[in-house]
Amino acid sequence: MHPVYTEATLRALSNLRNPHHFVWYLIPLLAFVIYVYFVEIERKKWNIVLAGLAFYGLEWFLEIMNALWLHFSKHSAVWTTPNHSAYIPLVGLTIEISMMFAVAGVAFAKILPEDKKMKILGIPNRWFFVIANSLLCVFIEVILNQWGVLVWAYPWWNWPNVWLIILIGYMPYMIFSFWVHDMGSMKKKITVVAAMWGIVIVCLVLFMGILEWI
């Protein structure tokens, strides 16, 4: 099938993994990410560290799936970040978004009450924060979409049909990272997070390095 790419897709592909877009603000951003994790490591809050890594690992996996959607559709990824970035590793992922997701899971895990059974507004607190955090993230995405820096090409993943973005785009992040956070066994936490990142690395090697699909 002959590709019929959207304008945003063509711009994203032209900017994809272009090292000449580098700007120095990435260095303090990286330092901030490192600082966030080191603070939790110093405090020995391993449940928060691993929840953050689980959140970030799932982000990379879903971004790879999004890039594969573009490869097979020959039209557009579900979401596209065409420009305005110091580096675009995947068509729907800028380096700035990547660094944000690296710390977002830590931030969301830090607000979880120690009492898993506590309710907020009559809702179990884990589910309350799954819903509230997802709504917050989608609200921000809608603003980015309206500004034209985050492009949605399909009507079922676009304003005003944002319910799918809430259910598939963000709730899985919260559920997965909270699940890892609440696991009783540290060995299980590490195993799940390592498996998540193992899948990501295999996908990157296969789809980016060998097949060059993304």
C-alpha atoms as a PDB file:
ATOM      1  CA  MET A   1       0.000   0.000   0.000  1.00  0.00           C
ATOM      2  CA  HIS A   2       1.329   3.386  -1.032  1.00  0.00           C
ATOM      3  CA  PRO A   3       1.746   5.704   1.989  1.00  0.00           C
ATOM      4  CA  VAL A   4      -0.654   8.626   2.283  1.00  0.00           C
ATOM      5  CA  TYR A   5       0.960  10.471   5.169  1.00  0.00           C
ATOM      6  CA  THR A   6      -0.576  13.426   6.957  1.00  0.00           C
ATOM      7  CA  GLU A   7       1.279  16.731   7.044  1.00  0.00           C
ATOM      8  CA  ALA A   8       2.090  16.233  10.738  1.00  0.00           C
ATOM      9  CA  THR A   9       3.482  12.766   9.986  1.00  0.00           C
ATOM     10  CA  LEU A  10       5.747  14.109   7.249  1.00  0.00           C
ATOM     11  CA  ARG A  11       7.075  16.788   9.600  1.00  0.00           C
ATOM     12  CA  ALA A  12       7.618  14.255  12.384  1.00  0.00           C
ATOM     13  CA  LEU A  13       9.467  11.888  10.053  1.00  0.00           C
ATOM     14  CA  SER A  14      11.655  14.728   8.753  1.00  0.00           C
ATOM     15  CA  ASN A  15      12.609  15.613  12.338  1.00  0.00           C
ATOM     16  CA  LEU A  16      12.862  12.046  13.623  1.00  0.00           C
ATOM     17  CA  ARG A  17      16.049  11.389  15.608  1.00  0.00           C
ATOM     18  CA  ASN A  18      17.735  14.490  14.189  1.00  0.00           C
ATOM     19  CA  PRO A  19      20.681  15.312  16.508  1.00  0.00           C
ATOM     20  CA  HIS A  20      21.055  18.796  15.023  1.00  0.00           C
ATOM     21  CA  HIS A  21      17.977  19.964  16.977  1.00  0.00           C
ATOM     22  CA  PHE A  22      19.791  19.612  20.301  1.00  0.00           C
ATOM     23  CA  VAL A  23      19.451  22.514  22.739  1.00  0.00           C
ATOM     24  CA  TRP A  24      21.162  22.886  26.105  1.00  0.00           C
ATOM     25  CA  TYR A  25      18.024  22.986  28.251  1.00  0.00           C
ATOM     26  CA  LEU A  26      17.981  19.183  27.997  1.00  0.00           C
ATOM     27  CA  ILE A  27      20.927  18.982  30.385  1.00  0.00           C
ATOM     28  CA  PRO A  28      19.186  20.647  33.373  1.00  0.00           C
ATOM     29  CA  LEU A  29      16.049  18.630  32.540  1.00  0.00           C
ATOM     30  CA  LEU A  30      18.098  15.441  32.757  1.00  0.00           C
ATOM     31  CA  ALA A  31      19.623  16.632  36.024  1.00  0.00           C
ATOM     32  CA  PHE A  32      16.115  17.216  37.371  1.00  0.00           C
ATOM     33  CA  VAL A  33      15.045  13.655  36.460  1.00  0.00           C
ATOM     34  CA  ILE A  34      18.143  12.226  38.141  1.00  0.00           C
ATOM     35  CA  TYR A  35      17.545  14.381  41.224  1.00  0.00           C
ATOM     36  CA  VAL A  36      13.938  13.177  41.562  1.00  0.00           C
ATOM     37  CA  TYR A  37      15.002   9.536  41.568  1.00  0.00           C
ATOM     38  CA  PHE A  38      18.024  10.072  43.802  1.00  0.00           C
ATOM     39  CA  VAL A  39      15.852  11.776  46.433  1.00  0.00           C
ATOM     40  CA  GLU A  40      13.629   8.700  46.610  1.00  0.00           C
ATOM     41  CA  ILE A  41      16.617   6.342  46.567  1.00  0.00           C
ATOM     42  CA  GLU A  42      18.228   8.285  49.427  1.00  0.00           C
ATOM     43  CA  ARG A  43      14.987   7.921  51.388  1.00  0.00           C
ATOM     44  CA  LYS A  44      14.893   4.216  50.447  1.00  0.00           C
ATOM     45  CA  LYS A  45      11.424   4.641  48.970  1.00  0.00           C
ATOM     46  CA  TRP A  46      11.900   1.761  46.560  1.00  0.00           C
ATOM     47  CA  ASN A  47       8.163   1.326  46.017  1.00  0.00           C
ATOM     48  CA  ILE A  48       8.038   4.881  44.611  1.00  0.00           C
ATOM     49  CA  VAL A  49      11.188   4.397  42.508  1.00  0.00           C
ATOM     50  CA  LEU A  50       9.850   1.190  40.985  1.00  0.00           C
ATOM     51  CA  ALA A  51       6.392   2.692  40.433  1.00  0.00           C
ATOM     52  CA  GLY A  52       8.074   5.523  38.526  1.00  0.00           C
ATOM     53  CA  LEU A  53      10.114   3.118  36.415  1.00  0.00           C
ATOM     54  CA  ALA A  54       7.001   1.022  35.714  1.00  0.00           C
ATOM     55  CA  PHE A  55       5.117   4.136  34.594  1.00  0.00           C
ATOM     56  CA  TYR A  56       8.005   5.206  32.358  1.00  0.00           C
ATOM     57  CA  GLY A  57       8.499   1.733  30.902  1.00  0.00           C
ATOM     58  CA  LEU A  58       4.846   1.487  29.905  1.00  0.00           C
ATOM     59  CA  GLU A  59       5.138   4.908  28.261  1.00  0.00           C
ATOM     60  CA  TRP A  60       7.938   3.668  26.025  1.00  0.00           C
ATOM     61  CA  PHE A  61       6.010   0.502  25.164  1.00  0.00           C
ATOM     62  CA  LEU A  62       2.895   2.436  24.152  1.00  0.00           C
ATOM     63  CA  GLU A  63       4.975   4.919  22.156  1.00  0.00           C
ATOM     64  CA  ILE A  64       6.495   2.003  20.236  1.00  0.00           C
ATOM     65  CA  MET A  65       2.991   0.637  19.547  1.00  0.00           C
ATOM     66  CA  ASN A  66       1.962   4.112  18.354  1.00  0.00           C
ATOM     67  CA  ALA A  67       4.922   4.224  15.967  1.00  0.00           C
ATOM     68  CA  LEU A  68       4.040   0.747  14.690  1.00  0.00           C
ATOM     69  CA  TRP A  69       0.494   1.988  14.011  1.00  0.00           C
ATOM     70  CA  LEU A  70       2.018   4.546  11.645  1.00  0.00           C
ATOM     71  CA  HIS A  71       4.141   1.868   9.976  1.00  0.00           C
ATOM     72  CA  PHE A  72       1.185  -0.391   9.233  1.00  0.00           C
ATOM     73  CA  SER A  73      -1.439   2.291   8.541  1.00  0.00           C
ATOM     74  CA  LYS A  74       0.840   4.204   6.144  1.00  0.00           C
ATOM     75  CA  HIS A  75      -1.119   7.290   7.161  1.00  0.00           C
ATOM     76  CA  SER A  76      -0.592   8.544  10.700  1.00  0.00           C
ATOM     77  CA  ALA A  77       0.263   7.480  14.193  1.00  0.00           C
ATOM     78  CA  VAL A  78      -2.574   7.789  16.707  1.00  0.00           C
ATOM     79  CA  TRP A  79      -0.754  10.779  18.216  1.00  0.00           C
ATOM     80  CA  THR A  80       2.080  12.710  16.593  1.00  0.00           C
ATOM     81  CA  THR A  81       4.601  15.259  17.857  1.00  0.00           C
ATOM     82  CA  PRO A  82       5.807  16.799  14.606  1.00  0.00           C
ATOM     83  CA  ASN A  83       8.232  19.505  15.751  1.00  0.00           C
ATOM     84  CA  HIS A  84       9.141  22.067  18.446  1.00  0.00           C
ATOM     85  CA  SER A  85      11.475  19.648  20.231  1.00  0.00           C
ATOM     86  CA  ALA A  86      15.169  19.314  20.916  1.00  0.00           C
ATOM     87  CA  TYR A  87      14.934  15.645  19.902  1.00  0.00           C
ATOM     88  CA  ILE A  88      12.161  13.349  18.639  1.00  0.00           C
ATOM     89  CA  PRO A  89      13.047   9.684  19.308  1.00  0.00           C
ATOM     90  CA  LEU A  90       9.663   8.372  18.057  1.00  0.00           C
ATOM     91  CA  VAL A  91       6.936  10.007  15.949  1.00  0.00           C
ATOM     92  CA  GLY A  92       4.698  10.583  18.963  1.00  0.00           C
ATOM     93  CA  LEU A  93       7.381  11.170  21.558  1.00  0.00           C
ATOM     94  CA  THR A  94       9.636  14.161  22.116  1.00  0.00           C
ATOM     95  CA  ILE A  95      12.579  14.058  24.500  1.00  0.00           C
ATOM     96  CA  GLU A  96      10.794  16.632  26.673  1.00  0.00           C
ATOM     97  CA  ILE A  97       7.702  14.425  26.945  1.00  0.00           C
ATOM     98  CA  SER A  98       9.940  11.457  27.705  1.00  0.00           C
ATOM     99  CA  MET A  99      11.602  13.275  30.608  1.00  0.00           C
ATOM    100  CA  MET A 100       8.201  14.344  31.910  1.00  0.00           C
ATOM    101  CA  PHE A 101       6.979  10.746  31.939  1.00  0.00           C
ATOM    102  CA  ALA A 102      10.192   9.693  33.657  1.00  0.00           C
ATOM    103  CA  VAL A 103       9.211  11.703  36.741  1.00  0.00           C
ATOM    104  CA  ALA A 104       5.404  11.633  36.431  1.00  0.00           C
ATOM    105  CA  GLY A 105       5.119   8.117  37.821  1.00  0.00           C
ATOM    106  CA  VAL A 106       7.179   9.121  40.844  1.00  0.00           C
ATOM    107  CA  ALA A 107       4.996  12.180  41.447  1.00  0.00           C
ATOM    108  CA  PHE A 108       1.750  10.211  41.164  1.00  0.00           C
ATOM    109  CA  ALA A 109       3.041   7.455  43.466  1.00  0.00           C
ATOM    110  CA  LYS A 110       4.081   9.978  46.116  1.00  0.00           C
ATOM    111  CA  ILE A 111       0.505  11.146  46.668  1.00  0.00           C
ATOM    112  CA  LEU A 112      -0.848   7.656  47.347  1.00  0.00           C
ATOM    113  CA  PRO A 113      -2.065   7.261  50.942  1.00  0.00           C
ATOM    114  CA  GLU A 114      -0.368   4.515  52.935  1.00  0.00           C
ATOM    115  CA  ASP A 115      -3.782   3.102  53.782  1.00  0.00           C
ATOM    116  CA  LYS A 116      -4.904   1.298  50.633  1.00  0.00           C
ATOM    117  CA  LYS A 117      -8.447   0.921  51.980  1.00  0.00           C
ATOM    118  CA  MET A 118      -9.008   4.611  52.669  1.00  0.00           C
ATOM    119  CA  LYS A 119     -11.725   6.185  50.529  1.00  0.00           C
ATOM    120  CA  ILE A 120     -11.838   9.654  48.983  1.00  0.00           C
ATOM    121  CA  LEU A 121     -15.321  10.968  48.160  1.00  0.00           C
ATOM    122  CA  GLY A 122     -16.556   7.416  48.676  1.00  0.00           C
ATOM    123  CA  ILE A 123     -14.115   5.966  46.124  1.00  0.00           C
ATOM    124  CA  PRO A 124     -11.199   3.658  47.048  1.00  0.00           C
ATOM    125  CA  ASN A 125      -8.211   6.003  47.012  1.00  0.00           C
ATOM    126  CA  ARG A 126      -6.249   4.073  44.368  1.00  0.00           C
ATOM    127  CA  TRP A 127      -9.130   4.293  41.915  1.00  0.00           C
ATOM    128  CA  PHE A 128      -9.764   7.907  42.856  1.00  0.00           C
ATOM    129  CA  PHE A 129      -6.217   8.817  41.850  1.00  0.00           C
ATOM    130  CA  VAL A 130      -6.339   6.611  38.746  1.00  0.00           C
ATOM    131  CA  ILE A 131      -9.329   8.624  37.546  1.00  0.00           C
ATOM    132  CA  ALA A 132      -8.233  12.060  38.801  1.00  0.00           C
ATOM    133  CA  ASN A 133      -4.680  11.781  37.462  1.00  0.00           C
ATOM    134  CA  SER A 134      -5.911  10.501  34.093  1.00  0.00           C
ATOM    135  CA  LEU A 135      -8.352  13.392  33.761  1.00  0.00           C
ATOM    136  CA  LEU A 136      -5.573  15.855  34.618  1.00  0.00           C
ATOM    137  CA  CYS A 137      -3.237  14.378  32.008  1.00  0.00           C
ATOM    138  CA  VAL A 138      -5.889  14.359  29.289  1.00  0.00           C
ATOM    139  CA  PHE A 139      -6.807  17.959  30.130  1.00  0.00           C
ATOM    140  CA  ILE A 140      -3.174  18.927  29.487  1.00  0.00           C
ATOM    141  CA  GLU A 141      -3.111  16.886  26.271  1.00  0.00           C
ATOM    142  CA  VAL A 142      -6.224  18.644  24.991  1.00  0.00           C
ATOM    143  CA  ILE A 143      -4.479  21.997  25.507  1.00  0.00           C
ATOM    144  CA  LEU A 144      -1.374  20.743  23.675  1.00  0.00           C
ATOM    145  CA  ASN A 145      -3.573  19.492  20.851  1.00  0.00           C
ATOM    146  CA  GLN A 146      -5.339  22.841  20.578  1.00  0.00           C
ATOM    147  CA  TRP A 147      -1.928  24.511  20.336  1.00  0.00           C
ATOM    148  CA  GLY A 148      -1.030  22.193  17.434  1.00  0.00           C
ATOM    149  CA  VAL A 149       2.041  20.635  19.057  1.00  0.00           C
ATOM    150  CA  LEU A 150       0.312  17.297  19.724  1.00  0.00           C
ATOM    151  CA  VAL A 151      -1.605  16.165  16.677  1.00  0.00           C
ATOM    152  CA  TRP A 152      -4.510  13.699  16.650  1.00  0.00           C
ATOM    153  CA  ALA A 153      -5.422  12.465  13.165  1.00  0.00           C
ATOM    154  CA  TYR A 154      -8.320  10.119  13.931  1.00  0.00           C
ATOM    155  CA  PRO A 155     -11.806  11.213  15.055  1.00  0.00           C
ATOM    156  CA  TRP A 156     -12.040   8.429  17.656  1.00  0.00           C
ATOM    157  CA  TRP A 157      -8.882   9.800  19.319  1.00  0.00           C
ATOM    158  CA  ASN A 158      -9.597  13.488  19.168  1.00  0.00           C
ATOM    159  CA  TRP A 159     -11.584  16.265  20.778  1.00  0.00           C
ATOM    160  CA  PRO A 160     -14.353  15.913  21.893  1.00  0.00           C
ATOM    161  CA  ASN A 161     -14.037  12.115  21.884  1.00  0.00           C
ATOM    162  CA  VAL A 162     -11.443  12.033  24.647  1.00  0.00           C
ATOM    163  CA  TRP A 163     -12.933   9.102  26.588  1.00  0.00           C
ATOM    164  CA  LEU A 164     -10.678   6.640  24.744  1.00  0.00           C
ATOM    165  CA  ILE A 165      -7.624   8.745  25.614  1.00  0.00           C
ATOM    166  CA  ILE A 166      -8.664   8.554  29.259  1.00  0.00           C
ATOM    167  CA  LEU A 167      -9.372   4.799  29.244  1.00  0.00           C
ATOM    168  CA  ILE A 168      -6.489   3.603  27.056  1.00  0.00           C
ATOM    169  CA  GLY A 169      -4.144   6.568  26.975  1.00  0.00           C
ATOM    170  CA  TYR A 170      -3.676   7.193  30.694  1.00  0.00           C
ATOM    171  CA  MET A 171      -5.565   4.908  33.039  1.00  0.00           C
ATOM    172  CA  PRO A 172      -3.296   1.932  32.221  1.00  0.00           C
ATOM    173  CA  TYR A 173      -0.264   3.979  33.362  1.00  0.00           C
ATOM    174  CA  MET A 174      -1.843   4.682  36.724  1.00  0.00           C
ATOM    175  CA  ILE A 175      -3.161   1.159  37.236  1.00  0.00           C
ATOM    176  CA  PHE A 176       0.144  -0.472  36.306  1.00  0.00           C
ATOM    177  CA  SER A 177       2.370   1.812  38.374  1.00  0.00           C
ATOM    178  CA  PHE A 178       0.041   1.708  41.416  1.00  0.00           C
ATOM    179  CA  TRP A 179      -0.086  -2.082  41.142  1.00  0.00           C
ATOM    180  CA  VAL A 180       3.702  -2.243  41.210  1.00  0.00           C
ATOM    181  CA  HIS A 181       3.788   0.265  44.081  1.00  0.00           C
ATOM    182  CA  ASP A 182       1.419  -1.843  46.197  1.00  0.00           C
ATOM    183  CA  MET A 183       3.007  -5.233  45.582  1.00  0.00           C
ATOM    184  CA  GLY A 184       3.964  -6.882  48.846  1.00  0.00           C
ATOM    185  CA  SER A 185       7.135  -8.482  47.544  1.00  0.00           C
ATOM    186  CA  MET A 186      10.136  -6.427  46.465  1.00  0.00           C
ATOM    187  CA  LYS A 187      11.269  -9.354  44.319  1.00  0.00           C
ATOM    188  CA  LYS A 188       7.967  -9.258  42.416  1.00  0.00           C
ATOM    189  CA  LYS A 189       8.220  -5.490  41.962  1.00  0.00           C
ATOM    190  CA  ILE A 190      11.710  -5.773  40.485  1.00  0.00           C
ATOM    191  CA  THR A 191      10.715  -8.740  38.302  1.00  0.00           C
ATOM    192  CA  VAL A 192       7.714  -6.940  36.812  1.00  0.00           C
ATOM    193  CA  VAL A 193       9.615  -3.701  36.168  1.00  0.00           C
ATOM    194  CA  ALA A 194      12.588  -5.577  34.687  1.00  0.00           C
ATOM    195  CA  ALA A 195      10.226  -7.544  32.428  1.00  0.00           C
ATOM    196  CA  MET A 196       8.548  -4.323  31.285  1.00  0.00           C
ATOM    197  CA  TRP A 197      11.867  -2.752  30.360  1.00  0.00           C
ATOM    198  CA  GLY A 198      13.058  -6.003  28.802  1.00  0.00           C
ATOM    199  CA  ILE A 199      10.086  -5.917  26.446  1.00  0.00           C
ATOM    200  CA  VAL A 200      10.805  -2.266  25.604  1.00  0.00           C
ATOM    201  CA  ILE A 201      14.453  -2.974  24.809  1.00  0.00           C
ATOM    202  CA  VAL A 202      13.599  -5.994  22.646  1.00  0.00           C
ATOM    203  CA  CYS A 203      10.991  -3.944  20.746  1.00  0.00           C
ATOM    204  CA  LEU A 204      13.443  -1.092  20.160  1.00  0.00           C
ATOM    205  CA  VAL A 205      16.172  -3.441  18.941  1.00  0.00           C
ATOM    206  CA  LEU A 206      13.745  -5.328  16.685  1.00  0.00           C
ATOM    207  CA  PHE A 207      11.500  -2.588  15.311  1.00  0.00           C
ATOM    208  CA  MET A 208      13.948   0.324  15.294  1.00  0.00           C
ATOM    209  CA  GLY A 209      17.319  -1.326  14.908  1.00  0.00           C
ATOM    210  CA  ILE A 210      16.715  -4.417  12.783  1.00  0.00           C
ATOM    211  CA  LEU A 211      13.455  -3.946  10.862  1.00  0.00           C
ATOM    212  CA  GLU A 212      13.601  -0.111  10.831  1.00  0.00           C
ATOM    213  CA  TRP A 213       9.828   0.095  11.133  1.00  0.00           C
ATOM    214  CA  ILE A 214       9.768   2.934  13.671  1.00  0.00           C
END
